[in-house]
Amino acid sequence: GTSRSRESFSGRTGRMFDPISAAEASAAYSVSLLLDPHRLNRLSWQQSLDNDIPTVSGIVNQLFNATWKTDSEQHRQLSQRVKMVVIDSVMDTLANPNLSPENRLLLEGNLLVFTKWLKRNDDSLADQALLNHLNVFWQTGDWRGGFEAVKLPPGSPI
């Protein structure tokens, strides 16, 4: 085998390479860029000047459609992890004080629509648990479904 260095990937399986956590780290990095509050605020302003630019709501809908509303039987564990990255990233963005008030309302609207969709499609225990977390969030404002995504190794992405 090869020795581990500071550039080795640290996943959730100990010393063994963890491909699901590698995908988690990559997805978390990409989604964090898409949902960066400063970026969303700029995007909202730019879209007000040019209708060809996607809306904040449209981007969040596309993330939900590409992850939660797409059934992936082939790679269920990977799909579930990426779904969790997306919902947690949306919740982190909502909690960020740099998000403009109008974009906060848009994200909350997207989240309400998603919550209603999940109520009709809570087929698994994980979906039911997430729905419970969302219901607590709507009642108290407290998000208990969060987690810290695995980080990319130092120097990533290259």
C-alpha atoms as a PDB file:
ATOM      1  CA  GLY A   1       0.000   0.000   0.000  1.00  0.00           C
ATOM      2  CA  THR A   2       0.899   3.613   0.020  1.00  0.00           C
ATOM      3  CA  SER A   3       1.575   5.741   3.059  1.00  0.00           C
ATOM      4  CA  ARG A   4      -0.869   8.425   4.063  1.00  0.00           C
ATOM      5  CA  SER A   5       0.117  12.092   3.875  1.00  0.00           C
ATOM      6  CA  ARG A   6      -1.546  15.407   4.634  1.00  0.00           C
ATOM      7  CA  GLU A   7      -2.950  15.285   1.102  1.00  0.00           C
ATOM      8  CA  SER A   8      -4.676  11.946   1.660  1.00  0.00           C
ATOM      9  CA  PHE A   9      -8.436  12.068   1.832  1.00  0.00           C
ATOM     10  CA  SER A  10      -9.927  11.632   5.324  1.00  0.00           C
ATOM     11  CA  GLY A  11     -13.344  10.052   5.080  1.00  0.00           C
ATOM     12  CA  ARG A  12     -15.748   8.427   7.499  1.00  0.00           C
ATOM     13  CA  THR A  13     -14.414   4.859   7.228  1.00  0.00           C
ATOM     14  CA  GLY A  14     -11.128   5.201   9.067  1.00  0.00           C
ATOM     15  CA  ARG A  15      -8.008   4.190   7.186  1.00  0.00           C
ATOM     16  CA  MET A  16      -9.883   2.741   4.220  1.00  0.00           C
ATOM     17  CA  PHE A  17     -10.611   5.067   1.294  1.00  0.00           C
ATOM     18  CA  ASP A  18     -14.198   6.292   1.529  1.00  0.00           C
ATOM     19  CA  PRO A  19     -15.616   7.037  -1.949  1.00  0.00           C
ATOM     20  CA  ILE A  20     -18.988   8.192  -0.560  1.00  0.00           C
ATOM     21  CA  SER A  21     -17.324  10.789   1.673  1.00  0.00           C
ATOM     22  CA  ALA A  22     -15.092  11.843  -1.231  1.00  0.00           C
ATOM     23  CA  ALA A  23     -18.255  12.547  -3.226  1.00  0.00           C
ATOM     24  CA  GLU A  24     -19.731  14.284  -0.164  1.00  0.00           C
ATOM     25  CA  ALA A  25     -16.720  16.603   0.092  1.00  0.00           C
ATOM     26  CA  SER A  26     -16.864  17.397  -3.617  1.00  0.00           C
ATOM     27  CA  ALA A  27     -20.620  18.013  -3.547  1.00  0.00           C
ATOM     28  CA  ALA A  28     -20.351  20.172  -0.426  1.00  0.00           C
ATOM     29  CA  TYR A  29     -17.653  22.284  -2.059  1.00  0.00           C
ATOM     30  CA  SER A  30     -19.682  22.758  -5.261  1.00  0.00           C
ATOM     31  CA  VAL A  31     -22.997  23.426  -3.535  1.00  0.00           C
ATOM     32  CA  SER A  32     -21.374  25.874  -1.103  1.00  0.00           C
ATOM     33  CA  LEU A  33     -20.196  27.903  -4.093  1.00  0.00           C
ATOM     34  CA  LEU A  34     -23.638  27.785  -5.724  1.00  0.00           C
ATOM     35  CA  LEU A  35     -25.402  28.853  -2.529  1.00  0.00           C
ATOM     36  CA  ASP A  36     -22.870  31.370  -1.260  1.00  0.00           C
ATOM     37  CA  PRO A  37     -25.021  34.226   0.122  1.00  0.00           C
ATOM     38  CA  HIS A  38     -22.907  36.920  -1.531  1.00  0.00           C
ATOM     39  CA  ARG A  39     -23.211  35.120  -4.858  1.00  0.00           C
ATOM     40  CA  LEU A  40     -26.975  34.729  -4.459  1.00  0.00           C
ATOM     41  CA  ASN A  41     -27.325  38.431  -3.624  1.00  0.00           C
ATOM     42  CA  ARG A  42     -25.336  39.380  -6.738  1.00  0.00           C
ATOM     43  CA  LEU A  43     -27.276  36.904  -8.843  1.00  0.00           C
ATOM     44  CA  SER A  44     -30.578  38.370  -7.664  1.00  0.00           C
ATOM     45  CA  TRP A  45     -29.461  41.867  -8.640  1.00  0.00           C
ATOM     46  CA  GLN A  46     -28.116  40.709 -12.010  1.00  0.00           C
ATOM     47  CA  GLN A  47     -31.288  38.777 -12.757  1.00  0.00           C
ATOM     48  CA  SER A  48     -33.355  41.918 -12.106  1.00  0.00           C
ATOM     49  CA  LEU A  49     -31.445  43.504 -14.996  1.00  0.00           C
ATOM     50  CA  ASP A  50     -31.352  40.502 -17.325  1.00  0.00           C
ATOM     51  CA  ASN A  51     -34.101  37.853 -17.401  1.00  0.00           C
ATOM     52  CA  ASP A  52     -31.753  35.366 -19.109  1.00  0.00           C
ATOM     53  CA  ILE A  53     -29.857  34.987 -15.831  1.00  0.00           C
ATOM     54  CA  PRO A  54     -31.245  32.241 -13.577  1.00  0.00           C
ATOM     55  CA  THR A  55     -33.207  33.236 -10.491  1.00  0.00           C
ATOM     56  CA  VAL A  56     -32.168  32.359  -6.959  1.00  0.00           C
ATOM     57  CA  SER A  57     -35.335  30.320  -6.610  1.00  0.00           C
ATOM     58  CA  GLY A  58     -34.622  28.550  -9.891  1.00  0.00           C
ATOM     59  CA  ILE A  59     -31.166  27.478  -8.738  1.00  0.00           C
ATOM     60  CA  VAL A  60     -32.516  26.059  -5.473  1.00  0.00           C
ATOM     61  CA  ASN A  61     -35.313  24.277  -7.373  1.00  0.00           C
ATOM     62  CA  GLN A  62     -32.766  22.753  -9.739  1.00  0.00           C
ATOM     63  CA  LEU A  63     -30.713  21.495  -6.786  1.00  0.00           C
ATOM     64  CA  PHE A  64     -33.792  19.894  -5.212  1.00  0.00           C
ATOM     65  CA  ASN A  65     -34.930  18.449  -8.547  1.00  0.00           C
ATOM     66  CA  ALA A  66     -31.508  16.988  -9.358  1.00  0.00           C
ATOM     67  CA  THR A  67     -31.089  15.373  -5.948  1.00  0.00           C
ATOM     68  CA  TRP A  68     -34.237  14.850  -3.903  1.00  0.00           C
ATOM     69  CA  LYS A  69     -36.756  14.588  -6.704  1.00  0.00           C
ATOM     70  CA  THR A  70     -34.692  12.147  -8.778  1.00  0.00           C
ATOM     71  CA  ASP A  71     -34.854   8.489  -7.824  1.00  0.00           C
ATOM     72  CA  SER A  72     -31.461   6.817  -8.013  1.00  0.00           C
ATOM     73  CA  GLU A  73     -31.737   3.094  -7.330  1.00  0.00           C
ATOM     74  CA  GLN A  74     -28.264   2.353  -8.663  1.00  0.00           C
ATOM     75  CA  HIS A  75     -26.236   4.427  -6.169  1.00  0.00           C
ATOM     76  CA  ARG A  76     -28.614   4.802  -3.223  1.00  0.00           C
ATOM     77  CA  GLN A  77     -26.010   5.548  -0.528  1.00  0.00           C
ATOM     78  CA  LEU A  78     -24.216   8.120  -2.666  1.00  0.00           C
ATOM     79  CA  SER A  79     -27.526   9.699  -3.646  1.00  0.00           C
ATOM     80  CA  GLN A  80     -28.652   9.916  -0.018  1.00  0.00           C
ATOM     81  CA  ARG A  81     -25.396  11.590   1.041  1.00  0.00           C
ATOM     82  CA  VAL A  82     -25.584  14.192  -1.720  1.00  0.00           C
ATOM     83  CA  LYS A  83     -29.222  14.865  -0.797  1.00  0.00           C
ATOM     84  CA  MET A  84     -28.140  15.563   2.757  1.00  0.00           C
ATOM     85  CA  VAL A  85     -25.387  17.884   1.534  1.00  0.00           C
ATOM     86  CA  VAL A  86     -27.946  19.870  -0.476  1.00  0.00           C
ATOM     87  CA  ILE A  87     -30.532  20.246   2.296  1.00  0.00           C
ATOM     88  CA  ASP A  88     -27.867  21.109   4.870  1.00  0.00           C
ATOM     89  CA  SER A  89     -26.326  23.678   2.511  1.00  0.00           C
ATOM     90  CA  VAL A  90     -29.722  25.316   1.970  1.00  0.00           C
ATOM     91  CA  MET A  91     -30.222  25.492   5.735  1.00  0.00           C
ATOM     92  CA  ASP A  92     -26.708  26.908   6.262  1.00  0.00           C
ATOM     93  CA  THR A  93     -27.406  29.563   3.640  1.00  0.00           C
ATOM     94  CA  LEU A  94     -30.685  30.477   5.335  1.00  0.00           C
ATOM     95  CA  ALA A  95     -28.837  30.924   8.636  1.00  0.00           C
ATOM     96  CA  ASN A  96     -26.115  33.093   7.121  1.00  0.00           C
ATOM     97  CA  PRO A  97     -26.550  36.775   8.086  1.00  0.00           C
ATOM     98  CA  ASN A  98     -25.075  37.868   4.728  1.00  0.00           C
ATOM     99  CA  LEU A  99     -28.096  36.565   2.804  1.00  0.00           C
ATOM    100  CA  SER A 100     -30.347  39.453   1.802  1.00  0.00           C
ATOM    101  CA  PRO A 101     -33.860  39.501   3.308  1.00  0.00           C
ATOM    102  CA  GLU A 102     -35.548  39.073  -0.078  1.00  0.00           C
ATOM    103  CA  ASN A 103     -33.366  36.059  -0.911  1.00  0.00           C
ATOM    104  CA  ARG A 104     -34.036  34.614   2.537  1.00  0.00           C
ATOM    105  CA  LEU A 105     -37.757  34.733   1.745  1.00  0.00           C
ATOM    106  CA  LEU A 106     -37.152  33.061  -1.615  1.00  0.00           C
ATOM    107  CA  LEU A 107     -35.149  30.253  -0.001  1.00  0.00           C
ATOM    108  CA  GLU A 108     -37.803  29.833   2.684  1.00  0.00           C
ATOM    109  CA  GLY A 109     -40.428  29.641  -0.071  1.00  0.00           C
ATOM    110  CA  ASN A 110     -38.393  26.959  -1.869  1.00  0.00           C
ATOM    111  CA  LEU A 111     -38.029  25.098   1.414  1.00  0.00           C
ATOM    112  CA  LEU A 112     -41.786  25.277   2.063  1.00  0.00           C
ATOM    113  CA  VAL A 113     -42.494  23.811  -1.370  1.00  0.00           C
ATOM    114  CA  PHE A 114     -39.882  21.108  -0.717  1.00  0.00           C
ATOM    115  CA  THR A 115     -41.404  20.325   2.692  1.00  0.00           C
ATOM    116  CA  LYS A 116     -44.848  19.886   1.105  1.00  0.00           C
ATOM    117  CA  TRP A 117     -43.325  17.641  -1.574  1.00  0.00           C
ATOM    118  CA  LEU A 118     -41.542  15.564   1.068  1.00  0.00           C
ATOM    119  CA  LYS A 119     -44.816  15.090   2.976  1.00  0.00           C
ATOM    120  CA  ARG A 120     -46.218  13.392  -0.136  1.00  0.00           C
ATOM    121  CA  ASN A 121     -43.018  11.415  -0.825  1.00  0.00           C
ATOM    122  CA  ASP A 122     -41.639  10.341   2.560  1.00  0.00           C
ATOM    123  CA  ASP A 123     -41.121   6.732   1.519  1.00  0.00           C
ATOM    124  CA  SER A 124     -38.128   5.924   3.695  1.00  0.00           C
ATOM    125  CA  LEU A 125     -37.270   6.209   7.370  1.00  0.00           C
ATOM    126  CA  ALA A 126     -34.606   8.777   6.468  1.00  0.00           C
ATOM    127  CA  ASP A 127     -37.186  10.885   4.596  1.00  0.00           C
ATOM    128  CA  GLN A 128     -39.545  10.693   7.568  1.00  0.00           C
ATOM    129  CA  ALA A 129     -36.751  11.769   9.928  1.00  0.00           C
ATOM    130  CA  LEU A 130     -35.883  14.678   7.640  1.00  0.00           C
ATOM    131  CA  LEU A 131     -39.531  15.697   7.505  1.00  0.00           C
ATOM    132  CA  ASN A 132     -39.548  15.689  11.305  1.00  0.00           C
ATOM    133  CA  HIS A 133     -36.458  17.953  11.333  1.00  0.00           C
ATOM    134  CA  LEU A 134     -38.118  20.304   8.847  1.00  0.00           C
ATOM    135  CA  ASN A 135     -41.308  20.437  10.928  1.00  0.00           C
ATOM    136  CA  VAL A 136     -39.241  21.336  13.999  1.00  0.00           C
ATOM    137  CA  PHE A 137     -37.489  24.017  11.946  1.00  0.00           C
ATOM    138  CA  TRP A 138     -40.806  25.523  10.828  1.00  0.00           C
ATOM    139  CA  GLN A 139     -42.112  25.534  14.404  1.00  0.00           C
ATOM    140  CA  THR A 140     -38.996  26.734  16.238  1.00  0.00           C
ATOM    141  CA  GLY A 141     -36.483  28.014  13.675  1.00  0.00           C
ATOM    142  CA  ASP A 142     -34.022  25.427  15.008  1.00  0.00           C
ATOM    143  CA  TRP A 143     -32.357  23.170  12.418  1.00  0.00           C
ATOM    144  CA  ARG A 144     -31.401  19.848  14.002  1.00  0.00           C
ATOM    145  CA  GLY A 145     -30.719  17.905  10.809  1.00  0.00           C
ATOM    146  CA  GLY A 146     -27.374  19.493  10.083  1.00  0.00           C
ATOM    147  CA  PHE A 147     -23.979  17.864   9.847  1.00  0.00           C
ATOM    148  CA  GLU A 148     -20.470  18.938   9.015  1.00  0.00           C
ATOM    149  CA  ALA A 149     -19.483  17.736   5.582  1.00  0.00           C
ATOM    150  CA  VAL A 150     -16.116  16.086   5.120  1.00  0.00           C
ATOM    151  CA  LYS A 151     -13.533  18.577   3.864  1.00  0.00           C
ATOM    152  CA  LEU A 152     -11.473  18.253   0.717  1.00  0.00           C
ATOM    153  CA  PRO A 153      -7.776  17.525   1.346  1.00  0.00           C
ATOM    154  CA  PRO A 154      -5.384  20.493   1.542  1.00  0.00           C
ATOM    155  CA  GLY A 155      -4.599  21.877  -1.884  1.00  0.00           C
ATOM    156  CA  SER A 156      -7.957  20.789  -3.362  1.00  0.00           C
ATOM    157  CA  PRO A 157      -9.303  21.542  -5.836  1.00  0.00           C
ATOM    158  CA  ILE A 158      -6.319  21.724  -8.107  1.00  0.00           C
END
